[in-house]
Amino acid sequence: MKKTFKFDSNTWIAIAAIVVSSCALIVSIIQTQIMKDQKAASSWPFVQWVLQRGWNSDSTGIFKLSVYNKGVGPAIIEKVSYQFNEKNYPSYEVSKFIEDMVNLDNGKKFESYNLTTIQGRVLAPNEEITHFEINDSTVAYNLSKKIIEKDLNIIIYYRDVYGNQWQYQRDKNPVDLLKK
């Protein structure tokens, strides 16, 4: 004799409870992922550098490299490397990088500049640091005529407080360079 199994109302209620619970679990997982992404986006740093060169209204020369964080969260600068005239300089050779740049001014030795180290620093949102600035107005003016942004590049590797890492360099979109 063949035994048939009939679904009674209790079985249907149990199946409905399992389906509703499974749906609630899936919604919960999706919601958690959305909250995680939102939390990361609310602390996203966006580090850039800019070269200011030329002259002021009072005819004094400007040659200044600044690094700033335009994001909404703090940026932890992990590593910096430099390129000038297609030559690479690691962060510990920043003095050589500056020397090679500055000595373009008629090959004379020049030591009148300010340098602020950025590697290992934390940049707050909307904070700007003058990384390099020439104090001598004449040399700054001469260099501003000789060096343009395409001659140099600073590659800045940084992360946010959650460990997400980025790098910024001239002509590259930092979102494309996002490391996962």
N, C-alpha and C. Protein backbone atom coordinates (compact mmCIF):
# COMPACT_ATOMS: atom_id res chain seq x y z
N MET A 1 0.83 -1.16 0.00
CA MET A 1 0.00 0.00 0.00
C MET A 1 0.89 1.25 0.00
N LYS A 2 0.57 2.12 -0.88
CA LYS A 2 1.33 3.33 -1.04
C LYS A 2 0.82 4.40 -0.08
N LYS A 3 1.79 5.03 0.61
CA LYS A 3 1.43 6.06 1.57
C LYS A 3 1.53 7.43 0.90
N THR A 4 0.53 8.22 0.95
CA THR A 4 0.56 9.56 0.36
C THR A 4 0.71 10.59 1.49
N PHE A 5 1.43 11.60 1.16
CA PHE A 5 1.67 12.65 2.14
C PHE A 5 0.85 13.86 1.75
N LYS A 6 0.05 14.31 2.66
CA LYS A 6 -0.79 15.47 2.41
C LYS A 6 -0.27 16.64 3.23
N PHE A 7 -0.31 17.79 2.59
CA PHE A 7 0.07 19.01 3.30
C PHE A 7 -1.14 19.51 4.08
N ASP A 8 -0.96 19.62 5.36
CA ASP A 8 -2.03 20.22 6.16
C ASP A 8 -1.70 21.69 6.40
N SER A 9 -2.52 22.38 7.08
CA SER A 9 -2.34 23.82 7.28
C SER A 9 -1.06 24.12 8.08
N ASN A 10 -0.68 23.28 9.01
CA ASN A 10 0.54 23.48 9.79
C ASN A 10 1.78 23.40 8.90
N THR A 11 1.78 22.49 7.94
CA THR A 11 2.91 22.35 7.03
C THR A 11 3.03 23.59 6.15
N TRP A 12 1.90 24.09 5.65
CA TRP A 12 1.91 25.30 4.83
C TRP A 12 2.40 26.50 5.63
N ILE A 13 2.02 26.60 6.84
CA ILE A 13 2.48 27.70 7.71
C ILE A 13 3.99 27.59 7.93
N ALA A 14 4.50 26.40 8.15
CA ALA A 14 5.93 26.18 8.36
C ALA A 14 6.72 26.55 7.10
N ILE A 15 6.23 26.13 5.92
CA ILE A 15 6.91 26.46 4.66
C ILE A 15 6.90 27.98 4.45
N ALA A 16 5.78 28.63 4.70
CA ALA A 16 5.69 30.09 4.55
C ALA A 16 6.65 30.79 5.51
N ALA A 17 6.78 30.28 6.71
CA ALA A 17 7.70 30.86 7.70
C ALA A 17 9.15 30.73 7.23
N ILE A 18 9.51 29.60 6.64
CA ILE A 18 10.87 29.39 6.13
C ILE A 18 11.15 30.34 4.96
N VAL A 19 10.19 30.50 4.05
CA VAL A 19 10.36 31.40 2.91
C VAL A 19 10.51 32.84 3.39
N VAL A 20 9.66 33.28 4.30
CA VAL A 20 9.74 34.65 4.83
C VAL A 20 11.06 34.86 5.56
N SER A 21 11.49 33.89 6.33
CA SER A 21 12.76 34.01 7.06
C SER A 21 13.94 34.08 6.09
N SER A 22 13.91 33.29 5.03
CA SER A 22 14.98 33.32 4.02
C SER A 22 15.03 34.67 3.33
N CYS A 23 13.87 35.22 2.99
CA CYS A 23 13.81 36.55 2.37
C CYS A 23 14.35 37.61 3.32
N ALA A 24 14.00 37.53 4.57
CA ALA A 24 14.49 38.48 5.57
C ALA A 24 16.00 38.39 5.71
N LEU A 25 16.55 37.18 5.66
CA LEU A 25 18.00 36.99 5.74
C LEU A 25 18.69 37.63 4.54
N ILE A 26 18.16 37.43 3.34
CA ILE A 26 18.75 38.01 2.13
C ILE A 26 18.70 39.53 2.19
N VAL A 27 17.57 40.09 2.59
CA VAL A 27 17.44 41.55 2.72
C VAL A 27 18.43 42.08 3.75
N SER A 28 18.60 41.37 4.82
CA SER A 28 19.53 41.77 5.88
C SER A 28 20.97 41.78 5.37
N ILE A 29 21.35 40.78 4.61
CA ILE A 29 22.71 40.71 4.04
C ILE A 29 22.93 41.87 3.07
N ILE A 30 21.97 42.13 2.21
CA ILE A 30 22.09 43.25 1.25
C ILE A 30 22.17 44.58 1.98
N GLN A 31 21.34 44.75 3.00
CA GLN A 31 21.34 46.00 3.77
C GLN A 31 22.67 46.20 4.49
N THR A 32 23.23 45.14 5.01
CA THR A 32 24.53 45.23 5.69
C THR A 32 25.62 45.66 4.71
N GLN A 33 25.60 45.12 3.50
CA GLN A 33 26.57 45.50 2.47
C GLN A 33 26.41 46.97 2.09
N ILE A 34 25.17 47.41 1.94
CA ILE A 34 24.93 48.82 1.61
C ILE A 34 25.43 49.73 2.72
N MET A 35 25.19 49.36 3.96
CA MET A 35 25.66 50.16 5.09
C MET A 35 27.20 50.20 5.15
N LYS A 36 27.83 49.08 4.84
CA LYS A 36 29.29 49.01 4.82
C LYS A 36 29.86 49.93 3.74
N ASP A 37 29.25 49.89 2.54
CA ASP A 37 29.69 50.76 1.45
C ASP A 37 29.47 52.23 1.79
N GLN A 38 28.34 52.54 2.42
CA GLN A 38 28.03 53.91 2.80
C GLN A 38 29.02 54.42 3.85
N LYS A 39 29.37 53.56 4.78
CA LYS A 39 30.32 53.93 5.83
C LYS A 39 31.69 54.22 5.22
N ALA A 40 32.12 53.39 4.26
CA ALA A 40 33.41 53.61 3.61
C ALA A 40 33.38 54.89 2.77
N ALA A 41 32.27 55.14 2.08
CA ALA A 41 32.16 56.34 1.25
C ALA A 41 32.14 57.61 2.09
N SER A 42 31.64 57.51 3.30
CA SER A 42 31.58 58.70 4.15
C SER A 42 32.93 59.07 4.75
N SER A 43 33.93 58.24 4.53
CA SER A 43 35.27 58.56 5.04
C SER A 43 36.32 58.50 3.94
N TRP A 44 35.91 58.68 2.69
CA TRP A 44 36.81 58.56 1.55
C TRP A 44 37.73 59.77 1.43
N PRO A 45 39.03 59.58 1.54
CA PRO A 45 39.97 60.68 1.30
C PRO A 45 40.25 60.82 -0.20
N PHE A 46 40.60 61.99 -0.62
CA PHE A 46 40.94 62.22 -2.02
C PHE A 46 42.14 63.15 -2.06
N VAL A 47 43.34 62.58 -2.17
CA VAL A 47 44.59 63.33 -2.11
C VAL A 47 45.03 63.71 -3.51
N GLN A 48 45.46 64.95 -3.67
CA GLN A 48 45.97 65.45 -4.93
C GLN A 48 47.18 66.35 -4.66
N TRP A 49 47.95 66.59 -5.70
CA TRP A 49 49.02 67.58 -5.59
C TRP A 49 48.84 68.59 -6.71
N VAL A 50 49.38 69.78 -6.49
CA VAL A 50 49.28 70.84 -7.49
C VAL A 50 50.59 71.63 -7.50
N LEU A 51 51.02 72.00 -8.70
CA LEU A 51 52.21 72.82 -8.88
C LEU A 51 51.75 74.25 -9.16
N GLN A 52 52.18 75.17 -8.31
CA GLN A 52 51.89 76.58 -8.54
C GLN A 52 53.18 77.23 -9.00
N ARG A 53 53.13 77.84 -10.15
CA ARG A 53 54.34 78.45 -10.69
C ARG A 53 53.97 79.72 -11.43
N GLY A 54 54.91 80.63 -11.49
CA GLY A 54 54.66 81.90 -12.17
C GLY A 54 55.15 83.05 -11.33
N TRP A 55 54.35 84.11 -11.26
CA TRP A 55 54.74 85.26 -10.47
C TRP A 55 53.51 85.91 -9.86
N ASN A 56 53.75 86.57 -8.73
CA ASN A 56 52.70 87.31 -8.03
C ASN A 56 52.49 88.66 -8.68
N SER A 57 51.49 89.37 -8.21
CA SER A 57 51.21 90.71 -8.74
C SER A 57 52.35 91.68 -8.42
N ASP A 58 53.13 91.39 -7.38
CA ASP A 58 54.27 92.27 -7.04
C ASP A 58 55.55 91.82 -7.73
N SER A 59 55.44 91.01 -8.78
CA SER A 59 56.55 90.54 -9.62
C SER A 59 57.51 89.61 -8.90
N THR A 60 57.10 89.01 -7.80
CA THR A 60 57.95 88.01 -7.15
C THR A 60 57.58 86.64 -7.72
N GLY A 61 58.59 85.81 -7.90
CA GLY A 61 58.36 84.50 -8.49
C GLY A 61 57.78 83.50 -7.51
N ILE A 62 56.98 82.57 -8.05
CA ILE A 62 56.37 81.50 -7.25
C ILE A 62 56.77 80.16 -7.86
N PHE A 63 57.21 79.25 -7.03
CA PHE A 63 57.39 77.86 -7.45
C PHE A 63 57.09 77.03 -6.21
N LYS A 64 55.92 76.41 -6.20
CA LYS A 64 55.45 75.75 -4.98
C LYS A 64 54.67 74.49 -5.35
N LEU A 65 54.94 73.41 -4.64
CA LEU A 65 54.24 72.15 -4.80
C LEU A 65 53.44 71.89 -3.54
N SER A 66 52.12 71.78 -3.68
CA SER A 66 51.26 71.55 -2.52
C SER A 66 50.53 70.23 -2.66
N VAL A 67 50.27 69.60 -1.52
CA VAL A 67 49.50 68.36 -1.46
C VAL A 67 48.29 68.64 -0.60
N TYR A 68 47.11 68.21 -1.05
CA TYR A 68 45.91 68.48 -0.28
C TYR A 68 44.94 67.32 -0.35
N ASN A 69 44.07 67.26 0.65
CA ASN A 69 43.04 66.23 0.76
C ASN A 69 41.68 66.89 0.52
N LYS A 70 41.07 66.58 -0.62
CA LYS A 70 39.77 67.14 -0.96
C LYS A 70 38.63 66.18 -0.61
N GLY A 71 38.94 65.09 0.07
CA GLY A 71 37.93 64.11 0.42
C GLY A 71 37.22 64.45 1.71
N VAL A 72 36.37 63.52 2.15
CA VAL A 72 35.58 63.74 3.36
C VAL A 72 36.15 63.01 4.58
N GLY A 73 37.21 62.25 4.37
CA GLY A 73 37.83 61.53 5.48
C GLY A 73 39.32 61.77 5.51
N PRO A 74 39.98 61.41 6.61
CA PRO A 74 41.43 61.60 6.70
C PRO A 74 42.18 60.66 5.77
N ALA A 75 43.32 61.14 5.27
CA ALA A 75 44.18 60.35 4.39
C ALA A 75 45.49 60.06 5.11
N ILE A 76 45.86 58.80 5.16
CA ILE A 76 47.12 58.40 5.78
C ILE A 76 48.10 58.15 4.65
N ILE A 77 49.11 59.01 4.54
CA ILE A 77 50.08 58.92 3.45
C ILE A 77 51.08 57.82 3.80
N GLU A 78 51.10 56.78 2.99
CA GLU A 78 51.97 55.64 3.26
C GLU A 78 53.31 55.72 2.53
N LYS A 79 53.28 56.19 1.30
CA LYS A 79 54.51 56.18 0.49
C LYS A 79 54.41 57.28 -0.55
N VAL A 80 55.56 57.86 -0.88
CA VAL A 80 55.61 58.89 -1.91
C VAL A 80 56.81 58.59 -2.80
N SER A 81 56.62 58.73 -4.09
CA SER A 81 57.75 58.63 -5.01
C SER A 81 57.65 59.78 -6.01
N TYR A 82 58.78 60.10 -6.61
CA TYR A 82 58.87 61.29 -7.46
C TYR A 82 59.41 60.90 -8.83
N GLN A 83 59.00 61.67 -9.83
CA GLN A 83 59.54 61.54 -11.18
C GLN A 83 59.82 62.94 -11.71
N PHE A 84 60.99 63.10 -12.31
CA PHE A 84 61.33 64.38 -12.93
C PHE A 84 62.13 64.09 -14.18
N ASN A 85 61.67 64.65 -15.30
CA ASN A 85 62.31 64.42 -16.60
C ASN A 85 62.58 62.93 -16.84
N GLU A 86 61.57 62.13 -16.57
CA GLU A 86 61.57 60.68 -16.80
C GLU A 86 62.57 59.91 -15.93
N LYS A 87 63.00 60.51 -14.84
CA LYS A 87 63.87 59.83 -13.87
C LYS A 87 63.07 59.62 -12.59
N ASN A 88 63.17 58.42 -12.00
CA ASN A 88 62.41 58.08 -10.79
C ASN A 88 63.26 58.29 -9.54
N TYR A 89 62.59 58.78 -8.49
CA TYR A 89 63.23 59.01 -7.20
C TYR A 89 62.34 58.41 -6.11
N PRO A 90 62.87 57.49 -5.31
CA PRO A 90 62.08 57.02 -4.15
C PRO A 90 61.99 58.13 -3.11
N SER A 91 61.12 57.94 -2.13
CA SER A 91 60.88 59.00 -1.15
C SER A 91 62.13 59.42 -0.38
N TYR A 92 63.04 58.49 -0.16
CA TYR A 92 64.25 58.85 0.59
C TYR A 92 65.22 59.67 -0.25
N GLU A 93 64.96 59.83 -1.56
CA GLU A 93 65.80 60.66 -2.42
C GLU A 93 65.11 61.97 -2.79
N VAL A 94 64.22 62.44 -1.93
CA VAL A 94 63.51 63.68 -2.22
C VAL A 94 64.48 64.84 -2.37
N SER A 95 65.58 64.84 -1.63
CA SER A 95 66.57 65.91 -1.75
C SER A 95 67.22 65.90 -3.13
N LYS A 96 67.49 64.72 -3.66
CA LYS A 96 68.07 64.59 -5.00
C LYS A 96 67.07 65.06 -6.05
N PHE A 97 65.80 64.73 -5.86
CA PHE A 97 64.73 65.18 -6.75
C PHE A 97 64.70 66.71 -6.80
N ILE A 98 64.74 67.34 -5.63
CA ILE A 98 64.71 68.80 -5.55
C ILE A 98 65.97 69.40 -6.16
N GLU A 99 67.11 68.79 -5.85
CA GLU A 99 68.38 69.27 -6.39
C GLU A 99 68.36 69.25 -7.92
N ASP A 100 67.89 68.15 -8.49
CA ASP A 100 67.84 68.04 -9.95
C ASP A 100 66.88 69.07 -10.55
N MET A 101 65.77 69.33 -9.87
CA MET A 101 64.82 70.33 -10.35
C MET A 101 65.42 71.73 -10.27
N VAL A 102 65.93 72.07 -9.11
CA VAL A 102 66.40 73.42 -8.85
C VAL A 102 67.66 73.74 -9.64
N ASN A 103 68.51 72.77 -9.89
CA ASN A 103 69.75 73.03 -10.60
C ASN A 103 69.55 73.26 -12.09
N LEU A 104 68.31 73.24 -12.54
CA LEU A 104 68.04 73.62 -13.93
C LEU A 104 68.26 75.12 -14.12
N ASP A 105 68.29 75.86 -13.04
CA ASP A 105 68.48 77.31 -13.13
C ASP A 105 69.96 77.61 -13.33
N ASN A 106 70.40 77.54 -14.57
CA ASN A 106 71.79 77.83 -14.97
C ASN A 106 72.81 76.93 -14.29
N GLY A 107 72.40 75.78 -13.82
CA GLY A 107 73.33 74.83 -13.23
C GLY A 107 73.94 75.27 -11.92
N LYS A 108 73.49 76.38 -11.35
CA LYS A 108 74.09 76.83 -10.09
C LYS A 108 73.47 76.10 -8.91
N LYS A 109 74.25 75.92 -7.88
CA LYS A 109 73.77 75.28 -6.66
C LYS A 109 72.79 76.20 -5.97
N PHE A 110 71.75 75.60 -5.46
CA PHE A 110 70.71 76.40 -4.81
C PHE A 110 70.17 75.63 -3.63
N GLU A 111 70.09 76.27 -2.49
CA GLU A 111 69.64 75.57 -1.29
C GLU A 111 68.57 76.34 -0.53
N SER A 112 68.02 77.38 -1.11
CA SER A 112 67.04 78.19 -0.41
C SER A 112 65.62 77.73 -0.74
N TYR A 113 65.20 76.68 -0.03
CA TYR A 113 63.85 76.17 -0.24
C TYR A 113 63.32 75.59 1.06
N ASN A 114 62.00 75.43 1.11
CA ASN A 114 61.34 74.78 2.24
C ASN A 114 60.84 73.43 1.78
N LEU A 115 61.00 72.44 2.61
CA LEU A 115 60.52 71.09 2.30
C LEU A 115 59.79 70.55 3.52
N THR A 116 58.58 70.08 3.31
CA THR A 116 57.81 69.44 4.36
C THR A 116 57.59 68.00 3.95
N THR A 117 58.02 67.08 4.78
CA THR A 117 57.85 65.66 4.48
C THR A 117 56.37 65.30 4.62
N ILE A 118 55.86 64.55 3.65
CA ILE A 118 54.45 64.16 3.71
C ILE A 118 54.28 62.67 3.98
N GLN A 119 55.32 61.89 3.71
CA GLN A 119 55.20 60.45 3.95
C GLN A 119 55.04 60.18 5.45
N GLY A 120 54.05 59.37 5.79
CA GLY A 120 53.79 59.04 7.19
C GLY A 120 52.87 60.04 7.89
N ARG A 121 52.41 61.05 7.16
CA ARG A 121 51.52 62.05 7.76
C ARG A 121 50.06 61.69 7.54
N VAL A 122 49.22 62.28 8.33
CA VAL A 122 47.78 62.15 8.16
C VAL A 122 47.26 63.51 7.73
N LEU A 123 46.57 63.52 6.59
CA LEU A 123 45.97 64.75 6.08
C LEU A 123 44.49 64.75 6.44
N ALA A 124 44.07 65.72 7.17
CA ALA A 124 42.65 65.86 7.52
C ALA A 124 41.89 66.31 6.27
N PRO A 125 40.58 66.13 6.25
CA PRO A 125 39.79 66.63 5.12
C PRO A 125 40.00 68.13 4.94
N ASN A 126 40.19 68.54 3.69
CA ASN A 126 40.43 69.93 3.31
C ASN A 126 41.73 70.52 3.84
N GLU A 127 42.65 69.68 4.27
CA GLU A 127 43.95 70.17 4.72
C GLU A 127 44.90 70.24 3.54
N GLU A 128 45.73 71.27 3.53
CA GLU A 128 46.73 71.45 2.48
C GLU A 128 48.10 71.59 3.13
N ILE A 129 49.09 70.93 2.55
CA ILE A 129 50.46 71.04 3.02
C ILE A 129 51.32 71.52 1.86
N THR A 130 52.12 72.55 2.11
CA THR A 130 53.10 72.97 1.11
C THR A 130 54.26 72.01 1.23
N HIS A 131 54.37 71.14 0.25
CA HIS A 131 55.40 70.10 0.27
C HIS A 131 56.78 70.67 -0.07
N PHE A 132 56.81 71.56 -1.04
CA PHE A 132 58.07 72.13 -1.50
C PHE A 132 57.83 73.55 -1.98
N GLU A 133 58.70 74.47 -1.55
CA GLU A 133 58.56 75.85 -1.98
C GLU A 133 59.93 76.51 -2.06
N ILE A 134 60.17 77.23 -3.14
CA ILE A 134 61.43 77.94 -3.32
C ILE A 134 61.28 79.34 -2.72
N ASN A 135 62.27 79.72 -1.93
CA ASN A 135 62.23 81.02 -1.25
C ASN A 135 62.78 82.16 -2.11
N ASP A 136 63.72 81.85 -2.98
CA ASP A 136 64.34 82.87 -3.81
C ASP A 136 63.43 83.20 -4.98
N SER A 137 62.94 84.42 -5.02
CA SER A 137 61.96 84.83 -6.02
C SER A 137 62.49 84.73 -7.45
N THR A 138 63.76 85.07 -7.66
CA THR A 138 64.34 85.02 -8.99
C THR A 138 64.45 83.59 -9.49
N VAL A 139 64.94 82.70 -8.64
CA VAL A 139 65.05 81.29 -9.02
C VAL A 139 63.66 80.70 -9.24
N ALA A 140 62.71 81.05 -8.38
CA ALA A 140 61.34 80.55 -8.54
C ALA A 140 60.77 80.98 -9.89
N TYR A 141 60.99 82.23 -10.25
CA TYR A 141 60.50 82.72 -11.53
C TYR A 141 61.18 81.99 -12.69
N ASN A 142 62.50 81.84 -12.63
CA ASN A 142 63.22 81.14 -13.70
C ASN A 142 62.75 79.70 -13.84
N LEU A 143 62.55 79.02 -12.71
CA LEU A 143 62.08 77.63 -12.77
C LEU A 143 60.66 77.55 -13.29
N SER A 144 59.84 78.53 -12.93
CA SER A 144 58.45 78.51 -13.39
C SER A 144 58.37 78.62 -14.91
N LYS A 145 59.37 79.23 -15.53
CA LYS A 145 59.41 79.30 -16.99
C LYS A 145 59.93 78.00 -17.60
N LYS A 146 60.78 77.26 -16.86
CA LYS A 146 61.43 76.07 -17.41
C LYS A 146 60.71 74.76 -17.12
N ILE A 147 60.02 74.69 -15.97
CA ILE A 147 59.39 73.44 -15.56
C ILE A 147 57.88 73.58 -15.67
N ILE A 148 57.28 72.62 -16.33
CA ILE A 148 55.83 72.57 -16.40
C ILE A 148 55.37 71.27 -15.77
N GLU A 149 54.07 71.15 -15.53
CA GLU A 149 53.55 69.99 -14.81
C GLU A 149 53.89 68.66 -15.47
N LYS A 150 53.96 68.63 -16.79
CA LYS A 150 54.25 67.35 -17.44
C LYS A 150 55.69 66.89 -17.22
N ASP A 151 56.57 67.79 -16.78
CA ASP A 151 57.96 67.42 -16.51
C ASP A 151 58.11 66.62 -15.22
N LEU A 152 57.15 66.79 -14.30
CA LEU A 152 57.30 66.11 -13.02
C LEU A 152 56.01 65.42 -12.62
N ASN A 153 56.17 64.46 -11.73
CA ASN A 153 55.04 63.70 -11.22
C ASN A 153 55.37 63.25 -9.80
N ILE A 154 54.39 63.32 -8.96
CA ILE A 154 54.53 62.79 -7.60
C ILE A 154 53.47 61.72 -7.45
N ILE A 155 53.89 60.53 -7.08
CA ILE A 155 52.96 59.43 -6.89
C ILE A 155 52.77 59.27 -5.38
N ILE A 156 51.55 59.46 -4.95
CA ILE A 156 51.23 59.42 -3.52
C ILE A 156 50.36 58.19 -3.26
N TYR A 157 50.85 57.31 -2.41
CA TYR A 157 50.09 56.12 -1.99
C TYR A 157 49.50 56.44 -0.62
N TYR A 158 48.20 56.31 -0.51
CA TYR A 158 47.54 56.64 0.75
C TYR A 158 46.40 55.69 1.02
N ARG A 159 45.91 55.73 2.26
CA ARG A 159 44.81 54.86 2.65
C ARG A 159 43.87 55.62 3.57
N ASP A 160 42.68 55.04 3.73
CA ASP A 160 41.73 55.62 4.67
C ASP A 160 41.80 54.86 5.99
N VAL A 161 40.95 55.22 6.93
CA VAL A 161 40.99 54.60 8.26
C VAL A 161 40.52 53.15 8.24
N TYR A 162 39.86 52.74 7.15
CA TYR A 162 39.39 51.36 7.05
C TYR A 162 40.36 50.45 6.28
N GLY A 163 41.49 51.01 5.85
CA GLY A 163 42.50 50.21 5.16
C GLY A 163 42.37 50.20 3.65
N ASN A 164 41.35 50.86 3.07
CA ASN A 164 41.25 50.95 1.62
C ASN A 164 42.41 51.79 1.10
N GLN A 165 43.04 51.36 0.02
CA GLN A 165 44.24 52.03 -0.47
C GLN A 165 44.02 52.63 -1.84
N TRP A 166 44.65 53.80 -2.06
CA TRP A 166 44.62 54.47 -3.35
C TRP A 166 46.01 55.00 -3.64
N GLN A 167 46.17 55.41 -4.89
CA GLN A 167 47.36 56.16 -5.25
C GLN A 167 46.93 57.30 -6.18
N TYR A 168 47.62 58.41 -6.06
CA TYR A 168 47.32 59.54 -6.93
C TYR A 168 48.58 59.93 -7.66
N GLN A 169 48.42 60.15 -8.95
CA GLN A 169 49.48 60.71 -9.77
C GLN A 169 48.84 61.51 -10.89
N ARG A 170 49.64 62.39 -11.45
CA ARG A 170 49.14 63.26 -12.51
C ARG A 170 48.52 62.44 -13.64
N ASP A 171 47.42 62.92 -14.16
CA ASP A 171 46.72 62.33 -15.31
C ASP A 171 46.15 60.94 -15.06
N LYS A 172 45.98 60.56 -13.80
CA LYS A 172 45.36 59.26 -13.49
C LYS A 172 44.17 59.49 -12.58
N ASN A 173 43.09 58.80 -12.85
CA ASN A 173 41.91 58.87 -12.01
C ASN A 173 42.13 57.95 -10.81
N PRO A 174 42.13 58.47 -9.58
CA PRO A 174 42.41 57.64 -8.42
C PRO A 174 41.39 56.52 -8.21
N VAL A 175 40.16 56.71 -8.70
CA VAL A 175 39.17 55.66 -8.55
C VAL A 175 39.58 54.45 -9.40
N ASP A 176 40.18 54.70 -10.57
CA ASP A 176 40.65 53.59 -11.42
C ASP A 176 41.81 52.85 -10.77
N LEU A 177 42.54 53.53 -9.90
CA LEU A 177 43.72 52.93 -9.29
C LEU A 177 43.41 52.29 -7.94
N LEU A 178 42.14 52.22 -7.59
CA LEU A 178 41.73 51.65 -6.31
C LEU A 178 42.26 50.23 -6.20
N LYS A 179 42.96 49.94 -5.11
CA LYS A 179 43.46 48.59 -4.86
C LYS A 179 42.45 47.84 -4.01
N LYS A 180 42.16 46.66 -4.38
CA LYS A 180 41.19 45.87 -3.60
C LYS A 180 41.93 44.80 -2.84
